Amino acid sequence: MSWAEGSAFAPMPAYNISKAVLNALTVQYALSYTDEGFTFMAIHPGWLRTDMGGQDADLSVEEGATAVWEMVSSCTQTQNGQFMNIHIPGSESYTWDIIPW
């Protein structure tokens, strides 16, 4: 999952729609499988230096992947159904908080 300020991807409606569907699916699975003990969350991996993110992005792919792995490996049931921001120590942008839907 990802999160972009304002209308950063306005010219790409299919991208926006796919993210909305993934958000809804995350919440639906979280509700459907709570009793089985599964945790479903959407994770914002950060603004990554990729073909889409460009060279001015904040993080390398490796930094983003490491932060996502740390979040996945330490998540708890309290994150179930949430849209979570990664944590990068010392960053004001990536603070391991819940991003409002």
Protein backbone atom coordinates (compact mmCIF):
# COMPACT_ATOMS: atom_id res chain seq x y z
CA MET A 1 0.00 0.00 0.00
CA SER A 2 1.05 3.54 -0.39
CA TRP A 3 -0.11 7.00 0.48
CA ALA A 4 0.36 10.18 -1.52
CA GLU A 5 -0.34 13.74 -0.49
CA GLY A 6 -3.27 15.45 -2.16
CA SER A 7 -3.70 14.59 -5.81
CA ALA A 8 -0.17 13.41 -6.52
CA PHE A 9 -1.50 10.63 -8.74
CA ALA A 10 -4.59 12.41 -10.08
CA PRO A 11 -3.72 11.62 -13.71
CA MET A 12 -3.71 7.90 -12.85
CA PRO A 13 -7.28 6.97 -11.82
CA ALA A 14 -6.60 3.21 -12.03
CA TYR A 15 -3.82 3.61 -9.44
CA ASN A 16 -6.13 5.52 -7.09
CA ILE A 17 -8.92 2.97 -7.51
CA SER A 18 -6.58 0.04 -6.87
CA LYS A 19 -5.43 1.62 -3.60
CA ALA A 20 -9.02 2.24 -2.48
CA VAL A 21 -9.88 -1.40 -3.17
CA LEU A 22 -6.84 -2.63 -1.23
CA ASN A 23 -7.79 -0.40 1.71
CA ALA A 24 -11.33 -1.80 1.73
CA LEU A 25 -10.03 -5.36 1.42
CA THR A 26 -7.68 -4.83 4.37
CA VAL A 27 -10.57 -3.73 6.58
CA GLN A 28 -12.84 -6.53 5.35
CA TYR A 29 -10.23 -9.23 6.04
CA ALA A 30 -9.46 -7.71 9.44
CA LEU A 31 -13.13 -7.97 10.39
CA SER A 32 -13.65 -11.40 8.85
CA TYR A 33 -10.64 -13.13 10.41
CA THR A 34 -10.37 -11.49 13.83
CA ASP A 35 -11.54 -14.63 15.66
CA GLU A 36 -8.86 -16.72 13.92
CA GLY A 37 -6.11 -14.46 15.27
CA PHE A 38 -4.90 -13.07 11.96
CA THR A 39 -3.73 -9.48 11.67
CA PHE A 40 -4.30 -7.59 8.43
CA MET A 41 -2.89 -4.12 7.91
CA ALA A 42 -2.02 -1.86 5.04
CA ILE A 43 1.50 -0.43 5.24
CA HIS A 44 2.79 2.77 3.71
CA PRO A 45 6.36 1.78 2.70
CA GLY A 46 7.56 5.36 2.35
CA TRP A 47 8.45 7.42 -0.71
CA LEU A 48 10.93 5.10 -2.40
CA ARG A 49 13.53 5.72 -5.08
CA THR A 50 11.97 3.66 -7.86
CA ASP A 51 10.89 4.36 -11.43
CA MET A 52 7.60 5.66 -10.03
CA GLY A 53 9.01 7.45 -6.96
CA GLY A 54 11.93 9.03 -8.79
CA GLN A 55 15.46 9.79 -7.64
CA ASP A 56 14.38 12.60 -5.26
CA ALA A 57 12.42 10.18 -3.06
CA ASP A 58 13.24 9.92 0.66
CA LEU A 59 14.25 6.28 0.91
CA SER A 60 16.01 3.52 -0.97
CA VAL A 61 14.02 0.40 -1.73
CA GLU A 62 16.17 -1.44 0.82
CA GLU A 63 15.31 1.08 3.57
CA GLY A 64 11.61 0.83 2.81
CA ALA A 65 11.66 -2.98 2.67
CA THR A 66 13.56 -3.21 5.96
CA ALA A 67 11.08 -0.88 7.67
CA VAL A 68 8.12 -2.88 6.32
CA TRP A 69 9.69 -6.14 7.54
CA GLU A 70 10.27 -4.66 11.00
CA MET A 71 6.62 -3.61 11.16
CA VAL A 72 5.29 -6.96 9.96
CA SER A 73 7.50 -8.96 12.31
CA SER A 74 6.46 -6.95 15.37
CA CYS A 75 2.79 -6.17 14.68
CA THR A 76 0.11 -6.87 17.23
CA GLN A 77 -3.65 -7.27 17.07
CA THR A 78 -3.99 -3.53 17.82
CA GLN A 79 -2.86 -2.81 14.24
CA ASN A 80 -5.53 -5.09 12.77
CA GLY A 81 -7.41 -3.28 10.00
CA GLN A 82 -5.21 -0.18 10.21
CA PHE A 83 -3.24 1.75 7.61
CA MET A 84 0.22 2.02 9.17
CA ASN A 85 3.17 4.30 8.46
CA ILE A 86 6.64 2.75 8.61
CA HIS A 87 9.19 3.86 11.19
CA ILE A 88 12.56 5.33 10.24
CA PRO A 89 14.55 6.43 13.33
CA GLY A 90 15.09 10.19 13.32
CA SER A 91 12.48 10.82 10.62
CA GLU A 92 9.56 13.17 11.17
CA SER A 93 7.71 11.63 8.21
CA TYR A 94 7.96 7.94 9.05
CA THR A 95 6.84 7.59 12.66
CA TRP A 96 5.06 4.22 12.90
CA ASP A 97 1.71 5.88 13.40
CA ILE A 98 -1.74 5.08 12.09
CA ILE A 99 -2.63 6.91 8.89
CA PRO A 100 -6.31 7.94 8.80
CA TRP A 101 -8.28 6.23 6.05
